C-alpha atoms as a PDB file:
ATOM      1  CA  MET A   1     -18.762 -10.772   0.222  1.00  0.00           C
ATOM      2  CA  ALA A   2     -16.852  -9.750  -2.628  1.00  0.00           C
ATOM      3  CA  HIS A   3     -17.219 -10.257  -6.222  1.00  0.00           C
ATOM      4  CA  SER A   4     -14.725 -12.162  -7.969  1.00  0.00           C
ATOM      5  CA  GLY A   5     -14.898 -10.532 -11.103  1.00  0.00           C
ATOM      6  CA  ASP A   6     -14.500 -13.631 -13.218  1.00  0.00           C
ATOM      7  CA  GLU A   7     -18.219 -15.237 -13.706  1.00  0.00           C
ATOM      8  CA  PRO A   8     -19.833 -15.656 -16.977  1.00  0.00           C
ATOM      9  CA  GLU A   9     -22.694 -13.603 -16.012  1.00  0.00           C
ATOM     10  CA  ASP A  10     -20.429 -10.320 -15.376  1.00  0.00           C
ATOM     11  CA  HIS A  11     -21.345  -6.804 -16.248  1.00  0.00           C
ATOM     12  CA  LYS A  12     -19.634  -3.732 -15.268  1.00  0.00           C
ATOM     13  CA  TYR A  13     -22.156  -2.545 -12.778  1.00  0.00           C
ATOM     14  CA  ARG A  14     -21.714  -5.945 -11.181  1.00  0.00           C
ATOM     15  CA  ARG A  15     -17.870  -5.549 -11.087  1.00  0.00           C
ATOM     16  CA  GLY A  16     -18.429  -2.313  -9.335  1.00  0.00           C
ATOM     17  CA  VAL A  17     -18.288   1.311 -10.356  1.00  0.00           C
ATOM     18  CA  VAL A  18     -15.328   3.325  -8.963  1.00  0.00           C
ATOM     19  CA  SER A  19     -15.699   7.037  -8.974  1.00  0.00           C
ATOM     20  CA  LEU A  20     -12.968   9.904  -8.327  1.00  0.00           C
ATOM     21  CA  CYS A  21     -13.222  13.563  -7.592  1.00  0.00           C
ATOM     22  CA  ALA A  22     -10.811  15.044 -10.045  1.00  0.00           C
ATOM     23  CA  GLY A  23      -7.712  17.394  -9.688  1.00  0.00           C
ATOM     24  CA  GLN A  24      -7.345  20.458 -11.628  1.00  0.00           C
ATOM     25  CA  VAL A  25      -3.676  21.575 -10.778  1.00  0.00           C
ATOM     26  CA  MET A  26      -2.399  17.739 -10.251  1.00  0.00           C
ATOM     27  CA  PRO A  27      -4.433  15.957 -12.843  1.00  0.00           C
ATOM     28  CA  GLY A  28      -1.766  13.209 -12.696  1.00  0.00           C
ATOM     29  CA  ALA A  29      -2.419  11.792  -9.636  1.00  0.00           C
ATOM     30  CA  THR A  30      -5.827  11.578 -10.259  1.00  0.00           C
ATOM     31  CA  ARG A  31      -5.146   9.490 -13.536  1.00  0.00           C
ATOM     32  CA  LEU A  32      -2.808   7.260 -11.877  1.00  0.00           C
ATOM     33  CA  ALA A  33      -5.611   6.407  -9.329  1.00  0.00           C
ATOM     34  CA  ALA A  34      -8.082   5.861 -12.072  1.00  0.00           C
ATOM     35  CA  ALA A  35      -5.513   3.458 -13.999  1.00  0.00           C
ATOM     36  CA  GLY A  36      -5.010   1.467 -10.827  1.00  0.00           C
ATOM     37  CA  ALA A  37      -8.623   1.209 -10.430  1.00  0.00           C
ATOM     38  CA  ARG A  38      -9.369  -0.063 -14.037  1.00  0.00           C
ATOM     39  CA  ALA A  39      -6.080  -2.485 -14.130  1.00  0.00           C
ATOM     40  CA  SER A  40      -7.380  -4.169 -10.949  1.00  0.00           C
ATOM     41  CA  GLY A  41     -10.659  -4.959 -11.861  1.00  0.00           C
ATOM     42  CA  ALA A  42     -13.479  -2.286 -11.584  1.00  0.00           C
ATOM     43  CA  GLY A  43     -16.441  -2.440 -14.014  1.00  0.00           C
ATOM     44  CA  LEU A  44     -16.347   1.048 -14.665  1.00  0.00           C
ATOM     45  CA  VAL A  45     -14.202   3.717 -13.741  1.00  0.00           C
ATOM     46  CA  ARG A  46     -15.649   7.338 -13.927  1.00  0.00           C
ATOM     47  CA  ILE A  47     -13.982  10.989 -12.902  1.00  0.00           C
ATOM     48  CA  SER A  48     -16.029  13.834 -11.676  1.00  0.00           C
ATOM     49  CA  ALA A  49     -13.979  16.618 -13.617  1.00  0.00           C
ATOM     50  CA  GLY A  50     -16.457  19.447 -13.666  1.00  0.00           C
ATOM     51  CA  GLN A  51     -14.930  22.295 -15.670  1.00  0.00           C
ATOM     52  CA  GLY A  52     -11.557  20.589 -16.557  1.00  0.00           C
ATOM     53  CA  ALA A  53     -13.438  17.843 -18.136  1.00  0.00           C
ATOM     54  CA  GLU A  54     -12.105  18.674 -21.674  1.00  0.00           C
ATOM     55  CA  ALA A  55      -8.374  18.116 -20.268  1.00  0.00           C
ATOM     56  CA  TYR A  56      -9.315  14.569 -18.659  1.00  0.00           C
ATOM     57  CA  ARG A  57     -10.912  13.467 -22.183  1.00  0.00           C
ATOM     58  CA  LEU A  58      -7.501  13.472 -23.780  1.00  0.00           C
ATOM     59  CA  GLY A  59      -6.494  10.524 -21.456  1.00  0.00           C
ATOM     60  CA  ALA A  60      -7.336   6.885 -21.705  1.00  0.00           C
ATOM     61  CA  PRO A  61     -10.185   5.946 -23.930  1.00  0.00           C
ATOM     62  CA  GLY A  62     -11.797   3.841 -21.238  1.00  0.00           C
ATOM     63  CA  LEU A  63     -12.485   6.307 -18.522  1.00  0.00           C
ATOM     64  CA  VAL A  64     -15.691   8.013 -18.466  1.00  0.00           C
ATOM     65  CA  ILE A  65     -15.417  11.856 -17.794  1.00  0.00           C
ATOM     66  CA  ASP A  66     -18.344  13.745 -15.924  1.00  0.00           C
ATOM     67  CA  GLU A  67     -19.006  17.417 -16.015  1.00  0.00           C
ATOM     68  CA  ALA A  68     -22.107  17.681 -14.200  1.00  0.00           C
ATOM     69  CA  PRO A  69     -21.859  19.116 -10.695  1.00  0.00           C
ATOM     70  CA  LEU A  70     -21.000  16.228  -7.882  1.00  0.00           C
ATOM     71  CA  GLU A  71     -24.278  16.936  -6.423  1.00  0.00           C
ATOM     72  CA  ALA A  72     -25.989  15.916  -9.695  1.00  0.00           C
ATOM     73  CA  LEU A  73     -23.716  12.874  -9.990  1.00  0.00           C
ATOM     74  CA  LEU A  74     -24.636  11.486  -6.544  1.00  0.00           C
ATOM     75  CA  GLU A  75     -28.343  11.205  -7.749  1.00  0.00           C
ATOM     76  CA  ASP A  76     -26.912   7.730  -9.406  1.00  0.00           C
ATOM     77  CA  ASP A  77     -27.091   5.322  -6.445  1.00  0.00           C
ATOM     78  CA  ARG A  78     -25.088   2.901  -8.456  1.00  0.00           C
ATOM     79  CA  ARG A  79     -21.922   5.090  -7.719  1.00  0.00           C
ATOM     80  CA  LYS A  80     -21.483   3.953  -4.042  1.00  0.00           C
ATOM     81  CA  VAL A  81     -17.398   4.206  -3.857  1.00  0.00           C
ATOM     82  CA  TRP A  82     -15.743   7.497  -4.174  1.00  0.00           C
ATOM     83  CA  LEU A  83     -11.878   7.953  -4.152  1.00  0.00           C
ATOM     84  CA  CYS A  84     -11.210  11.726  -2.792  1.00  0.00           C
ATOM     85  CA  GLY A  85      -7.857  12.987  -2.733  1.00  0.00           C
ATOM     86  CA  PRO A  86      -5.280  12.063  -5.050  1.00  0.00           C
ATOM     87  CA  GLY A  87      -4.345  15.210  -7.366  1.00  0.00           C
ATOM     88  CA  LEU A  88      -6.639  17.600  -5.013  1.00  0.00           C
ATOM     89  CA  THR A  89      -5.633  20.757  -3.464  1.00  0.00           C
ATOM     90  CA  GLU A  90      -7.392  21.628  -0.486  1.00  0.00           C
ATOM     91  CA  GLY A  91      -9.798  23.682  -1.771  1.00  0.00           C
ATOM     92  CA  GLU A  92     -10.905  21.063  -3.949  1.00  0.00           C
ATOM     93  CA  VAL A  93     -11.503  18.616  -1.272  1.00  0.00           C
ATOM     94  CA  GLU A  94     -13.372  20.958   0.629  1.00  0.00           C
ATOM     95  CA  ALA A  95     -15.771  21.280  -2.218  1.00  0.00           C
ATOM     96  CA  SER A  96     -16.149  17.628  -2.436  1.00  0.00           C
ATOM     97  CA  LEU A  97     -15.655  15.542   0.757  1.00  0.00           C
ATOM     98  CA  PRO A  98     -18.108  16.980   2.722  1.00  0.00           C
ATOM     99  CA  VAL A  99     -20.648  16.721   0.233  1.00  0.00           C
ATOM    100  CA  LEU A 100     -19.863  12.840  -0.300  1.00  0.00           C
ATOM    101  CA  LEU A 101     -19.951  12.226   3.357  1.00  0.00           C
ATOM    102  CA  ARG A 102     -23.506  13.930   3.553  1.00  0.00           C
ATOM    103  CA  ALA A 103     -24.503  11.754   0.546  1.00  0.00           C
ATOM    104  CA  GLY A 104     -23.798   8.752   2.531  1.00  0.00           C
ATOM    105  CA  ARG A 105     -20.973   7.501   0.121  1.00  0.00           C
ATOM    106  CA  ILE A 106     -18.315   4.866   0.740  1.00  0.00           C
ATOM    107  CA  VAL A 107     -15.005   6.998   0.646  1.00  0.00           C
ATOM    108  CA  LEU A 108     -11.292   6.413   0.288  1.00  0.00           C
ATOM    109  CA  ALA A 109      -9.608   9.374   1.401  1.00  0.00           C
ATOM    110  CA  ASP A 110      -5.835   9.687   0.520  1.00  0.00           C
ATOM    111  CA  ALA A 111      -2.989  12.768  -0.380  1.00  0.00           C
ATOM    112  CA  GLY A 112      -4.957  15.940  -0.892  1.00  0.00           C
ATOM    113  CA  ALA A 113      -7.697  14.993   1.848  1.00  0.00           C
ATOM    114  CA  LEU A 114      -5.106  14.147   4.374  1.00  0.00           C
ATOM    115  CA  GLY A 115      -3.486  17.553   3.852  1.00  0.00           C
ATOM    116  CA  TRP A 116      -7.123  19.223   4.113  1.00  0.00           C
ATOM    117  CA  ALA A 117      -7.794  17.662   7.379  1.00  0.00           C
ATOM    118  CA  GLY A 118      -4.113  18.821   8.725  1.00  0.00           C
ATOM    119  CA  GLU A 119      -3.908  18.495  12.446  1.00  0.00           C
ATOM    120  CA  CYS A 120      -7.576  17.964  12.776  1.00  0.00           C
ATOM    121  CA  PRO A 121      -8.317  13.869  12.158  1.00  0.00           C
ATOM    122  CA  ALA A 122     -12.077  14.499  13.198  1.00  0.00           C
ATOM    123  CA  ARG A 123     -12.459  16.159   9.614  1.00  0.00           C
ATOM    124  CA  LEU A 124     -12.167  12.661   8.149  1.00  0.00           C
ATOM    125  CA  GLU A 125     -14.847  10.920  10.343  1.00  0.00           C
ATOM    126  CA  GLY A 126     -17.217   9.584   8.158  1.00  0.00           C
ATOM    127  CA  VAL A 127     -14.774   8.213   5.592  1.00  0.00           C
ATOM    128  CA  ALA A 128     -14.402   4.334   4.957  1.00  0.00           C
ATOM    129  CA  VAL A 129     -10.671   4.113   4.141  1.00  0.00           C
ATOM    130  CA  ILE A 130      -7.377   6.588   4.766  1.00  0.00           C
ATOM    131  CA  THR A 131      -4.285   5.624   3.057  1.00  0.00           C
ATOM    132  CA  PRO A 132      -1.341   7.839   4.677  1.00  0.00           C
ATOM    133  CA  HIS A 133       2.550   7.609   4.183  1.00  0.00           C
ATOM    134  CA  ILE A 134       4.386   8.296   7.457  1.00  0.00           C
ATOM    135  CA  GLY A 135       4.552  12.140   6.920  1.00  0.00           C
ATOM    136  CA  GLU A 136       0.589  12.500   6.624  1.00  0.00           C
ATOM    137  CA  PHE A 137       0.042  10.040   9.589  1.00  0.00           C
ATOM    138  CA  THR A 138       2.239  11.933  11.930  1.00  0.00           C
ATOM    139  CA  ARG A 139       0.568  15.399  10.889  1.00  0.00           C
ATOM    140  CA  LEU A 140      -2.826  13.848  11.658  1.00  0.00           C
ATOM    141  CA  PHE A 141      -1.983  11.701  14.502  1.00  0.00           C
ATOM    142  CA  GLY A 142       1.567  12.588  15.724  1.00  0.00           C
ATOM    143  CA  SER A 143       4.383   9.962  15.489  1.00  0.00           C
ATOM    144  CA  PRO A 144       3.556   6.226  15.626  1.00  0.00           C
ATOM    145  CA  GLY A 145       6.761   6.193  18.131  1.00  0.00           C
ATOM    146  CA  ASP A 146       8.113   2.774  19.170  1.00  0.00           C
ATOM    147  CA  ASP A 147       4.666   0.878  18.830  1.00  0.00           C
ATOM    148  CA  PRO A 148       3.358   2.060  15.268  1.00  0.00           C
ATOM    149  CA  VAL A 149       0.865  -1.108  15.329  1.00  0.00           C
ATOM    150  CA  MET A 150      -0.841   0.370  18.493  1.00  0.00           C
ATOM    151  CA  ALA A 151      -0.782   3.911  17.115  1.00  0.00           C
ATOM    152  CA  VAL A 152      -2.383   2.861  14.085  1.00  0.00           C
ATOM    153  CA  ARG A 153      -4.872   0.905  15.800  1.00  0.00           C
ATOM    154  CA  GLU A 154      -5.719   3.775  17.823  1.00  0.00           C
ATOM    155  CA  ALA A 155      -5.901   6.268  14.710  1.00  0.00           C
ATOM    156  CA  ALA A 156      -8.563   3.841  13.322  1.00  0.00           C
ATOM    157  CA  ARG A 157     -10.556   3.798  16.467  1.00  0.00           C
ATOM    158  CA  GLN A 158     -10.196   7.838  16.567  1.00  0.00           C
ATOM    159  CA  ILE A 159     -11.875   8.669  13.288  1.00  0.00           C
ATOM    160  CA  GLY A 160     -13.748   5.301  12.807  1.00  0.00           C
ATOM    161  CA  ALA A 161     -12.070   4.446   9.414  1.00  0.00           C
ATOM    162  CA  THR A 162      -9.527   1.672   8.275  1.00  0.00           C
ATOM    163  CA  VAL A 163      -6.338   3.148   8.239  1.00  0.00           C
ATOM    164  CA  VAL A 164      -3.497   1.986   5.782  1.00  0.00           C
ATOM    165  CA  LEU A 165      -0.157   3.574   7.365  1.00  0.00           C
ATOM    166  CA  LYS A 166       2.052   2.639   3.825  1.00  0.00           C
ATOM    167  CA  GLY A 167       5.724   1.416   4.420  1.00  0.00           C
ATOM    168  CA  ALA A 168       7.806  -1.619   3.773  1.00  0.00           C
ATOM    169  CA  VAL A 169       5.595  -3.136   6.068  1.00  0.00           C
ATOM    170  CA  SER A 170       2.225  -1.701   5.801  1.00  0.00           C
ATOM    171  CA  ILE A 171       0.145  -1.554   8.901  1.00  0.00           C
ATOM    172  CA  ILE A 172      -3.793  -2.088   8.152  1.00  0.00           C
ATOM    173  CA  ALA A 173      -6.113  -1.440  11.061  1.00  0.00           C
ATOM    174  CA  ALA A 174      -9.726  -1.258  11.674  1.00  0.00           C
ATOM    175  CA  PRO A 175     -11.825   0.647  13.937  1.00  0.00           C
ATOM    176  CA  ASP A 176     -12.670  -2.680  16.007  1.00  0.00           C
ATOM    177  CA  GLY A 177      -9.043  -3.079  16.839  1.00  0.00           C
ATOM    178  CA  ARG A 178      -8.269  -5.919  13.914  1.00  0.00           C
ATOM    179  CA  VAL A 179      -5.009  -5.132  12.491  1.00  0.00           C
ATOM    180  CA  ALA A 180      -2.771  -6.672   9.802  1.00  0.00           C
ATOM    181  CA  LEU A 181       0.902  -6.270   8.543  1.00  0.00           C
ATOM    182  CA  ASN A 182       1.792  -6.624   5.039  1.00  0.00           C
ATOM    183  CA  ASP A 183       5.498  -7.093   3.930  1.00  0.00           C
ATOM    184  CA  HIS A 184       4.355  -8.564   0.524  1.00  0.00           C
ATOM    185  CA  ALA A 185       5.973  -6.148  -1.469  1.00  0.00           C
ATOM    186  CA  SER A 186       9.048  -4.586  -3.300  1.00  0.00           C
ATOM    187  CA  PRO A 187      11.197  -1.579  -3.074  1.00  0.00           C
ATOM    188  CA  ALA A 188      10.003  -1.142  -6.447  1.00  0.00           C
ATOM    189  CA  LEU A 189       6.833   0.430  -4.977  1.00  0.00           C
ATOM    190  CA  ALA A 190       8.869   3.430  -3.786  1.00  0.00           C
ATOM    191  CA  THR A 191       8.172   5.803  -6.476  1.00  0.00           C
ATOM    192  CA  ALA A 192       6.217   8.782  -6.774  1.00  0.00           C
ATOM    193  CA  GLY A 193       2.555   8.108  -7.554  1.00  0.00           C
ATOM    194  CA  SER A 194       2.538   4.359  -6.283  1.00  0.00           C
ATOM    195  CA  GLY A 195       0.268   5.213  -3.684  1.00  0.00           C
ATOM    196  CA  ASP A 196      -2.219   6.961  -5.944  1.00  0.00           C
ATOM    197  CA  THR A 197      -2.076   3.438  -7.585  1.00  0.00           C
ATOM    198  CA  LEU A 198      -3.095   1.856  -4.157  1.00  0.00           C
ATOM    199  CA  SER A 199      -5.635   3.997  -3.621  1.00  0.00           C
ATOM    200  CA  GLY A 200      -7.230   2.879  -6.944  1.00  0.00           C
ATOM    201  CA  VAL A 201      -6.690  -0.481  -5.947  1.00  0.00           C
ATOM    202  CA  ILE A 202      -8.340  -0.546  -3.034  1.00  0.00           C
ATOM    203  CA  ALA A 203     -11.626   1.324  -4.050  1.00  0.00           C
ATOM    204  CA  THR A 204     -11.649  -1.346  -6.663  1.00  0.00           C
ATOM    205  CA  MET A 205     -12.050  -3.940  -3.903  1.00  0.00           C
ATOM    206  CA  LEU A 206     -14.683  -1.961  -1.862  1.00  0.00           C
ATOM    207  CA  ALA A 207     -16.768  -1.703  -5.392  1.00  0.00           C
ATOM    208  CA  ALA A 208     -16.422  -5.309  -5.617  1.00  0.00           C
ATOM    209  CA  GLY A 209     -18.419  -5.575  -2.140  1.00  0.00           C
ATOM    210  CA  MET A 210     -15.573  -6.202   0.117  1.00  0.00           C
ATOM    211  CA  ALA A 211     -15.877  -5.328   3.620  1.00  0.00           C
ATOM    212  CA  THR A 212     -13.877  -2.423   4.466  1.00  0.00           C
ATOM    213  CA  TRP A 213     -10.820  -3.704   6.471  1.00  0.00           C
ATOM    214  CA  GLU A 214     -10.605  -6.794   4.257  1.00  0.00           C
ATOM    215  CA  ALA A 215     -10.638  -4.348   0.865  1.00  0.00           C
ATOM    216  CA  ALA A 216      -7.736  -2.650   2.204  1.00  0.00           C
ATOM    217  CA  CYS A 217      -5.644  -5.610   3.132  1.00  0.00           C
ATOM    218  CA  ALA A 218      -6.518  -7.121  -0.103  1.00  0.00           C
ATOM    219  CA  GLY A 219      -5.582  -4.115  -2.368  1.00  0.00           C
ATOM    220  CA  VAL A 220      -1.929  -3.728  -0.310  1.00  0.00           C
ATOM    221  CA  TRP A 221      -1.555  -7.259  -1.054  1.00  0.00           C
ATOM    222  CA  LEU A 222      -2.483  -6.679  -4.819  1.00  0.00           C
ATOM    223  CA  HIS A 223      -0.258  -3.738  -5.255  1.00  0.00           C
ATOM    224  CA  GLY A 224       2.781  -5.456  -3.685  1.00  0.00           C
ATOM    225  CA  GLU A 225       2.351  -8.487  -5.625  1.00  0.00           C
ATOM    226  CA  ALA A 226       2.531  -6.042  -8.909  1.00  0.00           C
ATOM    227  CA  GLY A 227       5.402  -4.504  -7.348  1.00  0.00           C
ATOM    228  CA  LEU A 228       6.984  -7.668  -7.184  1.00  0.00           C
ATOM    229  CA  ARG A 229       5.980  -8.614 -10.939  1.00  0.00           C
ATOM    230  CA  ALA A 230       7.303  -5.161 -12.085  1.00  0.00           C
ATOM    231  CA  GLY A 231      11.152  -6.093 -11.910  1.00  0.00           C
ATOM    232  CA  ASN A 232      13.786  -3.451 -11.234  1.00  0.00           C
ATOM    233  CA  TRP A 233      13.399   0.369 -11.423  1.00  0.00           C
ATOM    234  CA  PRO A 234       9.933   0.199 -12.720  1.00  0.00           C
ATOM    235  CA  ILE A 235       8.021   3.493 -13.439  1.00  0.00           C
ATOM    236  CA  VAL A 236       4.587   3.800 -11.596  1.00  0.00           C
ATOM    237  CA  GLU A 237       2.636   2.934 -14.518  1.00  0.00           C
ATOM    238  CA  ALA A 238       4.086  -0.165 -15.206  1.00  0.00           C
ATOM    239  CA  LEU A 239       2.568  -1.452 -12.042  1.00  0.00           C
ATOM    240  CA  ASP A 240      -0.973  -1.562 -13.865  1.00  0.00           C
ATOM    241  CA  SER A 241       0.138  -4.016 -16.395  1.00  0.00           C
ATOM    242  CA  HIS A 242       0.720  -6.776 -13.528  1.00  0.00           C
ATOM    243  CA  LEU A 243      -2.586  -5.810 -11.506  1.00  0.00           C
ATOM    244  CA  GLY A 244      -4.826  -8.265 -13.435  1.00  0.00           C
ATOM    245  CA  ASP A 245      -2.380 -11.194 -12.897  1.00  0.00           C
ATOM    246  CA  ALA A 246      -1.934 -10.547  -9.304  1.00  0.00           C
ATOM    247  CA  ARG A 247      -5.603 -10.283  -8.704  1.00  0.00           C
ATOM    248  CA  ALA A 248      -5.927 -13.823 -10.585  1.00  0.00           C
ATOM    249  CA  LYS A 249      -3.251 -15.184  -8.181  1.00  0.00           C
ATOM    250  CA  ALA A 250      -5.245 -14.078  -5.000  1.00  0.00           C
ATOM    251  CA  ILE A 251      -8.415 -15.534  -6.277  1.00  0.00           C
ATOM    252  CA  ALA A 252      -6.382 -19.037  -6.811  1.00  0.00           C
ATOM    253  CA  LEU A 253      -4.847 -18.935  -3.686  1.00  0.00           C
ATOM    254  CA  ALA A 254      -8.108 -18.116  -1.873  1.00  0.00           C
ATOM    255  CA  CYS A 255      -9.842 -21.224  -4.140  1.00  0.00           C
ATOM    256  CA  GLY A 256      -7.083 -23.424  -2.655  1.00  0.00           C
ATOM    257  CA  MET A 257      -7.461 -22.375   0.958  1.00  0.00           C
ATOM    258  CA  GLU A 258     -11.303 -22.936   0.349  1.00  0.00           C
ATOM    259  CA  ASP A 259     -10.390 -26.340  -1.048  1.00  0.00           C
ATOM    260  CA  LEU A 260      -8.143 -27.425   1.485  1.00  0.00           C
ATOM    261  CA  ALA A 261     -10.884 -26.270   4.352  1.00  0.00           C
ATOM    262  CA  VAL A 262     -13.548 -28.408   3.015  1.00  0.00           C
ATOM    263  CA  LYS A 263     -10.839 -31.515   2.914  1.00  0.00           C
ATOM    264  CA  ARG A 264     -10.190 -30.770   6.592  1.00  0.00           C
ATOM    265  CA  ARG A 265     -13.932 -30.698   7.081  1.00  0.00           C
ATOM    266  CA  ALA A 266     -14.552 -33.931   5.145  1.00  0.00           C
END
């Protein structure tokens, strides 16, 4: 069960640690994903920056920047959830994603990681979640055609991971055939970097202890709610200031449904 993140005995490790592999060429995407994770309730967000650590330390003071080799960082068992792809070149993915999978970590793969897999989706086997847009999905699995729900469901079965096909109506499919459609969103999300923020939000849900498909569904809904709250023509950084309220609304709705279920059983 996921940890709601609003209990008196909370501490940062109980709320969950999100770790990111840093991109040296496109650091902005990594930073956006990290900001999304922090704003949606992660207890601690750490960036594995290697030799580029100094540049990342000029960013948000609440981030922890690591310069040790990835293998050394993986000795910390508290760092179960990793985000690999935003801001990364294919070479950087090659140097990090296989290492994370061999270590048995929960990995969300996006952006550069999907490009690295190219037309060979089998390279992504072992990851927990992928979050492609339509272009990335088509390159990996072929066009979704006239039945995108079935195509996303088959893609999830093929690689054994939850697949989030981002769009006006996002499709979230699990390897066991479960599927959800999310239209709780806004055109405000159609801005560069929005997908990086989404990756950070889903990673936070995973770090909080949610099961993979549920974490993806929750993350997509929270991201959409933040977009609805952000108003007209926001830049992507503006989404962060609405993610906390979005999560509070989700918790309130969930509690309301639980109360209703109890009343019905009474």
